[in-house]
Amino acid sequence: MFKYVPAALFALLPLCAQAQEFTRLGFGYLLTNDFIGDGQDRWRTGSIASSRVWGRESGRDWDGTLPSGFGRLIELRLGGQIIAPANLETPDPADRPYAGALSVGVHSHFQTGGLEMAVGGDLVVVGPATGLDSFHGAVHDLLGMPDLSKATLDAQIDNGIYPTVVVEAGRSFAFGDGVLRPFLEGRAGAETLVRAGFDMRWGGLEQGGLMVRDPVSGQQYRAIDGGKTGYGFVIGGDVTHVAHSVFLPEDRGYNPRDARLRARAGMEWRGKNGGGVFYGLSYLGQEFEGQGEGQFVGSFRAHFRF
């Protein structure tokens, strides 16, 4: 029954924002898949992250800078991801188990003491009740790709609901036409971890906008458009200390790696009509003992106005 919780929250939260006289400021999303990365269907194989943002700052709309108070800029964050063993038909018993996860959360973006903060919580729903295994199988049937075997589905992560707190703090430093932004992130819930990293951008497309981080690839995507045009480039990376992950249950013999590495690069084009395209490539390092190598995933967003 709890598979309907995300839909219910999604319906209620915008109403709450409207009731408090918030103004809708933007929308953004990012699709990530290993098919547009290393071309394989394994591990962190596919995900989507999306954000809808409302703001209220003394009665005025967004002016390109973060407000100084918690709760004045609100993001409704929705996500879904599929995690799979390397072989869907005859999975290696030592490979990671199949998992589908949906999430809905509310986050506040603000600045304090020179830091750019994003603080909030997600409700993460995991297991076959999400229906993502059926969706995955239907897509594979449509494209003539390998089926998800009974062994794969029987071993998938069980149903569960995991409240998850998420905090990110960063600071931007301008260098010529570039911006370096180191950040720290902490999560406690479905995955409990601490992460430190950086993003380096050129081109100025982030100016006046609001960037939100995709939890799988680490790429940032635009949730409020700053109005800049042209080309932008980004490189980044981070290292993560993992304390716990429901996707790698230790009571089933999995041994999550204490440290995860991610590296990424991306390119974006923004046109005068507000449209644009982004593509990023991310390397995700090994996440558990026995995973022989890392993987590359691609991230994509297209937005056009006519």
Protein backbone atom coordinates (compact mmCIF):
# COMPACT_ATOMS: atom_id res chain seq x y z
CA MET A 1 0.00 0.00 0.00
CA PHE A 2 2.85 2.40 0.70
CA LYS A 3 3.70 2.58 -3.01
CA TYR A 4 1.08 5.37 -3.22
CA VAL A 5 2.84 7.57 -0.63
CA PRO A 6 5.09 9.49 -3.11
CA ALA A 7 2.13 10.31 -5.35
CA ALA A 8 0.12 11.57 -2.39
CA LEU A 9 2.94 13.80 -1.15
CA PHE A 10 3.56 15.09 -4.66
CA ALA A 11 -0.09 16.16 -4.86
CA LEU A 12 -0.12 17.84 -1.44
CA LEU A 13 3.17 19.73 -1.30
CA PRO A 14 2.53 22.19 -4.15
CA LEU A 15 -0.82 23.01 -2.53
CA CYS A 16 0.97 23.78 0.72
CA ALA A 17 3.39 26.07 -1.11
CA GLN A 18 0.53 27.93 -2.85
CA ALA A 19 -1.32 28.29 0.45
CA GLN A 20 1.67 30.14 1.89
CA GLU A 21 1.79 32.52 -1.11
CA PHE A 22 4.95 31.11 -2.61
CA THR A 23 5.74 31.88 -6.25
CA ARG A 24 6.84 29.12 -8.58
CA LEU A 25 10.31 30.00 -9.86
CA GLY A 26 11.55 27.08 -11.91
CA PHE A 27 11.72 23.44 -12.89
CA GLY A 28 14.62 21.17 -13.79
CA TYR A 29 15.40 17.53 -14.39
CA LEU A 30 18.25 15.21 -15.29
CA LEU A 31 18.14 11.77 -16.88
CA THR A 32 21.07 9.45 -16.14
CA ASN A 33 21.71 6.08 -17.78
CA ASP A 34 24.69 3.86 -18.42
CA PHE A 35 23.42 3.22 -21.98
CA ILE A 36 24.59 6.77 -22.84
CA GLY A 37 27.72 6.24 -20.74
CA ASP A 38 29.60 2.97 -21.16
CA GLY A 39 26.74 1.33 -23.07
CA GLN A 40 26.12 -1.40 -20.50
CA ASP A 41 23.10 -2.23 -18.35
CA ARG A 42 24.46 -2.76 -14.85
CA TRP A 43 24.81 -1.44 -11.32
CA ARG A 44 23.65 2.23 -11.20
CA THR A 45 21.95 1.63 -14.52
CA GLY A 46 19.28 4.35 -14.72
CA SER A 47 17.81 7.25 -12.78
CA ILE A 48 15.88 10.48 -13.04
CA ALA A 49 16.00 13.50 -10.74
CA SER A 50 13.62 16.46 -10.99
CA SER A 51 13.02 19.66 -9.04
CA ARG A 52 10.26 22.22 -8.76
CA VAL A 53 11.14 25.41 -6.91
CA TRP A 54 9.01 28.02 -5.13
CA GLY A 55 10.24 31.16 -3.39
CA ARG A 56 9.20 34.02 -1.16
CA GLU A 57 11.65 36.71 -0.13
CA SER A 58 9.92 39.73 1.42
CA GLY A 59 7.29 39.65 -1.31
CA ARG A 60 9.71 39.68 -4.27
CA ASP A 61 10.58 37.02 -6.79
CA TRP A 62 13.95 35.40 -7.44
CA ASP A 63 16.74 37.93 -8.15
CA GLY A 64 19.54 35.45 -8.82
CA THR A 65 20.83 35.15 -5.26
CA LEU A 66 19.93 32.79 -2.44
CA PRO A 67 17.78 34.20 0.37
CA SER A 68 19.31 34.61 3.79
CA GLY A 69 16.69 32.59 5.67
CA PHE A 70 15.75 28.94 5.85
CA GLY A 71 12.38 28.14 4.29
CA ARG A 72 12.15 31.09 1.88
CA LEU A 73 13.24 29.10 -1.18
CA ILE A 74 11.64 25.66 -1.30
CA GLU A 75 12.43 22.79 -3.66
CA LEU A 76 10.17 19.79 -4.19
CA ARG A 77 12.58 17.04 -5.24
CA LEU A 78 11.40 13.86 -6.97
CA GLY A 79 13.59 10.96 -8.01
CA GLY A 80 13.71 7.39 -9.15
CA GLN A 81 16.53 4.97 -9.78
CA ILE A 82 17.14 1.37 -10.78
CA ILE A 83 20.16 -0.58 -9.51
CA ALA A 84 20.93 -3.94 -11.10
CA PRO A 85 23.48 -6.76 -11.19
CA ALA A 86 25.75 -6.89 -14.23
CA ASN A 87 23.84 -9.86 -15.69
CA LEU A 88 20.05 -9.67 -15.49
CA GLU A 89 19.43 -13.19 -16.82
CA THR A 90 21.95 -15.21 -14.78
CA PRO A 91 23.16 -12.92 -11.99
CA ASP A 92 26.35 -13.76 -10.14
CA PRO A 93 25.39 -14.51 -6.49
CA ALA A 94 28.26 -12.25 -5.41
CA ASP A 95 27.01 -9.32 -7.52
CA ARG A 96 24.87 -6.60 -6.02
CA PRO A 97 21.11 -7.23 -5.75
CA TYR A 98 18.49 -5.60 -7.93
CA ALA A 99 16.75 -2.57 -6.39
CA GLY A 100 14.19 0.01 -7.42
CA ALA A 101 13.78 3.23 -5.45
CA LEU A 102 11.45 6.23 -5.63
CA SER A 103 11.90 9.37 -3.56
CA VAL A 104 10.06 12.58 -2.78
CA GLY A 105 11.50 15.34 -0.64
CA VAL A 106 11.36 18.98 0.41
CA HIS A 107 14.57 21.05 0.58
CA SER A 108 15.34 24.66 1.44
CA HIS A 109 18.12 26.64 -0.30
CA PHE A 110 19.64 29.62 1.51
CA GLN A 111 22.91 31.31 2.38
CA THR A 112 24.46 31.91 5.75
CA GLY A 113 27.96 32.94 6.79
CA GLY A 114 29.11 32.94 3.17
CA LEU A 115 27.97 29.33 2.65
CA GLU A 116 25.41 28.16 0.10
CA MET A 117 23.17 25.68 1.90
CA ALA A 118 20.64 23.06 0.81
CA VAL A 119 18.90 21.37 3.74
CA GLY A 120 15.95 19.00 3.66
CA GLY A 121 14.65 15.48 3.73
CA ASP A 122 13.51 12.77 1.33
CA LEU A 123 11.13 9.89 1.78
CA VAL A 124 12.79 6.98 -0.07
CA VAL A 125 10.57 4.03 -1.00
CA VAL A 126 12.47 0.88 -2.00
CA GLY A 127 11.41 -2.51 -3.32
CA PRO A 128 9.10 -4.25 -5.80
CA ALA A 129 6.15 -2.16 -4.57
CA THR A 130 7.61 0.79 -6.51
CA GLY A 131 6.82 -1.04 -9.76
CA LEU A 132 10.21 -0.13 -11.22
CA ASP A 133 11.08 -3.79 -11.86
CA SER A 134 7.97 -4.15 -14.05
CA PHE A 135 8.79 -0.88 -15.83
CA HIS A 136 12.37 -2.03 -16.42
CA GLY A 137 11.16 -5.36 -17.80
CA ALA A 138 8.64 -3.66 -20.10
CA VAL A 139 11.30 -1.36 -21.55
CA HIS A 140 13.59 -4.32 -22.18
CA ASP A 141 10.77 -6.23 -23.90
CA LEU A 142 10.06 -3.23 -26.10
CA LEU A 143 13.72 -2.83 -27.10
CA GLY A 144 14.47 -6.54 -27.42
CA MET A 145 16.95 -6.52 -24.54
CA PRO A 146 17.55 -9.30 -21.98
CA ASP A 147 14.69 -10.10 -19.61
CA LEU A 148 14.89 -9.77 -15.84
CA SER A 149 15.07 -13.37 -14.67
CA LYS A 150 13.19 -14.84 -11.73
CA ALA A 151 16.50 -15.21 -9.89
CA THR A 152 17.17 -11.48 -10.33
CA LEU A 153 13.72 -10.45 -9.13
CA ASP A 154 13.62 -12.92 -6.22
CA ALA A 155 16.89 -11.52 -4.86
CA GLN A 156 15.93 -7.85 -5.12
CA ILE A 157 15.92 -5.53 -2.11
CA ASP A 158 12.75 -5.90 -0.02
CA ASN A 159 10.05 -3.27 0.37
CA GLY A 160 10.86 -0.50 2.80
CA ILE A 161 10.39 3.21 3.53
CA TYR A 162 13.45 5.20 4.60
CA PRO A 163 13.23 8.85 5.74
CA THR A 164 16.52 10.45 4.68
CA VAL A 165 18.04 13.75 5.80
CA VAL A 166 20.21 15.56 3.22
CA VAL A 167 22.50 18.55 3.88
CA GLU A 168 24.89 20.19 1.40
CA ALA A 169 27.11 23.19 2.11
CA GLY A 170 29.26 24.86 -0.54
CA ARG A 171 31.09 28.07 -1.32
CA SER A 172 31.82 29.62 -4.71
CA PHE A 173 35.13 31.26 -5.66
CA ALA A 174 35.50 33.17 -8.93
CA PHE A 175 38.68 32.75 -11.00
CA GLY A 176 38.61 34.79 -14.22
CA ASP A 177 35.72 33.37 -16.23
CA GLY A 178 35.55 30.27 -14.03
CA VAL A 179 33.93 29.42 -10.69
CA LEU A 180 35.30 26.84 -8.27
CA ARG A 181 32.80 25.49 -5.76
CA PRO A 182 33.99 23.03 -3.09
CA PHE A 183 31.20 21.36 -1.14
CA LEU A 184 30.42 18.99 1.71
CA GLU A 185 27.37 16.74 1.76
CA GLY A 186 25.87 14.50 4.41
CA ARG A 187 23.06 11.94 4.15
CA ALA A 188 21.42 9.82 6.83
CA GLY A 189 18.74 7.28 5.97
CA ALA A 190 18.52 5.00 2.93
CA GLU A 191 22.25 5.61 2.58
CA THR A 192 24.25 7.15 5.41
CA LEU A 193 27.37 8.89 4.16
CA VAL A 194 29.59 11.97 4.19
CA ARG A 195 30.91 13.37 0.91
CA ALA A 196 33.49 16.04 0.02
CA GLY A 197 34.09 17.32 -3.49
CA PHE A 198 34.18 20.21 -5.93
CA ASP A 199 32.70 21.53 -9.17
CA MET A 200 34.62 23.82 -11.53
CA ARG A 201 32.59 25.72 -14.14
CA TRP A 202 33.44 27.90 -17.13
CA GLY A 203 31.14 29.96 -19.33
CA GLY A 204 29.01 31.68 -16.70
CA LEU A 205 25.79 29.77 -17.39
CA GLU A 206 25.33 29.12 -13.67
CA GLN A 207 25.11 32.87 -12.93
CA GLY A 208 21.70 33.92 -11.68
CA GLY A 209 20.40 30.36 -11.63
CA LEU A 210 19.89 27.66 -9.03
CA MET A 211 21.82 24.42 -9.46
CA VAL A 212 20.72 21.17 -7.79
CA ARG A 213 22.84 18.03 -7.45
CA ASP A 214 21.79 14.67 -8.88
CA PRO A 215 22.43 12.07 -6.15
CA VAL A 216 23.56 9.28 -8.51
CA SER A 217 26.01 10.95 -10.92
CA GLY A 218 26.91 14.00 -8.85
CA GLN A 219 26.18 16.23 -11.85
CA GLN A 220 24.33 19.46 -11.15
CA TYR A 221 21.27 20.50 -13.12
CA ARG A 222 19.49 23.83 -13.43
CA ALA A 223 16.29 24.25 -11.35
CA ILE A 224 16.02 28.03 -11.91
CA ASP A 225 17.19 29.54 -15.19
CA GLY A 226 19.59 32.45 -14.83
CA GLY A 227 19.02 33.71 -18.38
CA LYS A 228 22.62 33.40 -19.56
CA THR A 229 23.31 32.09 -23.09
CA GLY A 230 26.18 30.37 -24.87
CA TYR A 231 28.31 27.39 -23.88
CA GLY A 232 29.27 26.19 -20.43
CA PHE A 233 31.65 23.50 -19.22
CA VAL A 234 32.05 21.71 -15.91
CA ILE A 235 34.41 19.23 -14.32
CA GLY A 236 34.12 17.84 -10.82
CA GLY A 237 34.67 15.00 -8.45
CA ASP A 238 34.12 13.81 -4.92
CA VAL A 239 35.06 11.15 -2.43
CA THR A 240 32.48 9.57 -0.12
CA HIS A 241 32.73 7.73 3.17
CA VAL A 242 29.82 5.30 3.44
CA ALA A 243 28.56 4.07 6.80
CA HIS A 244 25.42 2.24 5.65
CA SER A 245 23.41 1.45 2.50
CA VAL A 246 20.07 -0.36 2.25
CA PHE A 247 21.07 -1.25 -1.32
CA LEU A 248 23.99 -3.39 -0.05
CA PRO A 249 22.60 -5.18 3.04
CA GLU A 250 25.39 -6.48 5.24
CA ASP A 251 23.09 -9.15 6.72
CA ARG A 252 23.08 -10.73 3.27
CA GLY A 253 26.87 -10.82 3.13
CA TYR A 254 27.56 -7.62 1.20
CA ASN A 255 30.53 -5.53 2.20
CA PRO A 256 30.11 -1.91 1.06
CA ARG A 257 33.34 -0.08 0.34
CA ASP A 258 34.12 2.53 2.96
CA ALA A 259 35.13 5.01 0.25
CA ARG A 260 33.51 5.76 -3.11
CA LEU A 261 35.04 7.92 -5.84
CA ARG A 262 33.17 9.88 -8.50
CA ALA A 263 34.54 12.04 -11.32
CA ARG A 264 32.53 13.95 -13.90
CA ALA A 265 32.60 16.37 -16.80
CA GLY A 266 29.86 18.03 -18.79
CA MET A 267 28.98 20.55 -21.49
CA GLU A 268 25.90 22.74 -21.84
CA TRP A 269 24.48 24.99 -24.53
CA ARG A 270 21.85 27.65 -23.80
CA GLY A 271 20.03 29.56 -26.57
CA LYS A 272 18.47 33.02 -26.60
CA ASN A 273 14.95 31.57 -26.51
CA GLY A 274 15.62 29.86 -23.16
CA GLY A 275 16.19 26.42 -24.63
CA GLY A 276 19.27 24.32 -24.11
CA VAL A 277 20.95 20.95 -23.97
CA PHE A 278 23.26 19.41 -21.37
CA TYR A 279 25.29 16.20 -21.55
CA GLY A 280 27.60 14.95 -18.83
CA LEU A 281 29.73 11.85 -18.39
CA SER A 282 30.44 10.54 -14.89
CA TYR A 283 32.72 7.82 -13.58
CA LEU A 284 31.35 5.96 -10.57
CA GLY A 285 33.93 3.94 -8.68
CA GLN A 286 33.41 0.55 -7.05
CA GLU A 287 30.75 0.55 -4.34
CA PHE A 288 31.17 -2.94 -2.84
CA GLU A 289 33.86 -5.55 -2.34
CA GLY A 290 33.82 -7.87 -5.34
CA GLN A 291 32.81 -5.22 -7.86
CA GLY A 292 35.66 -5.63 -10.30
CA GLU A 293 35.57 -2.16 -11.84
CA GLY A 294 33.78 1.14 -11.89
CA GLN A 295 31.31 2.32 -14.51
CA PHE A 296 30.54 5.31 -16.71
CA VAL A 297 27.05 6.82 -16.81
CA GLY A 298 25.77 9.58 -19.06
CA SER A 299 23.45 12.38 -17.95
CA PHE A 300 21.20 14.34 -20.31
CA ARG A 301 18.75 17.21 -20.25
CA ALA A 302 17.06 19.01 -23.15
CA HIS A 303 14.76 22.00 -22.85
CA PHE A 304 13.30 23.99 -25.73
CA ARG A 305 10.80 26.84 -26.02
CA PHE A 306 8.90 27.58 -29.21
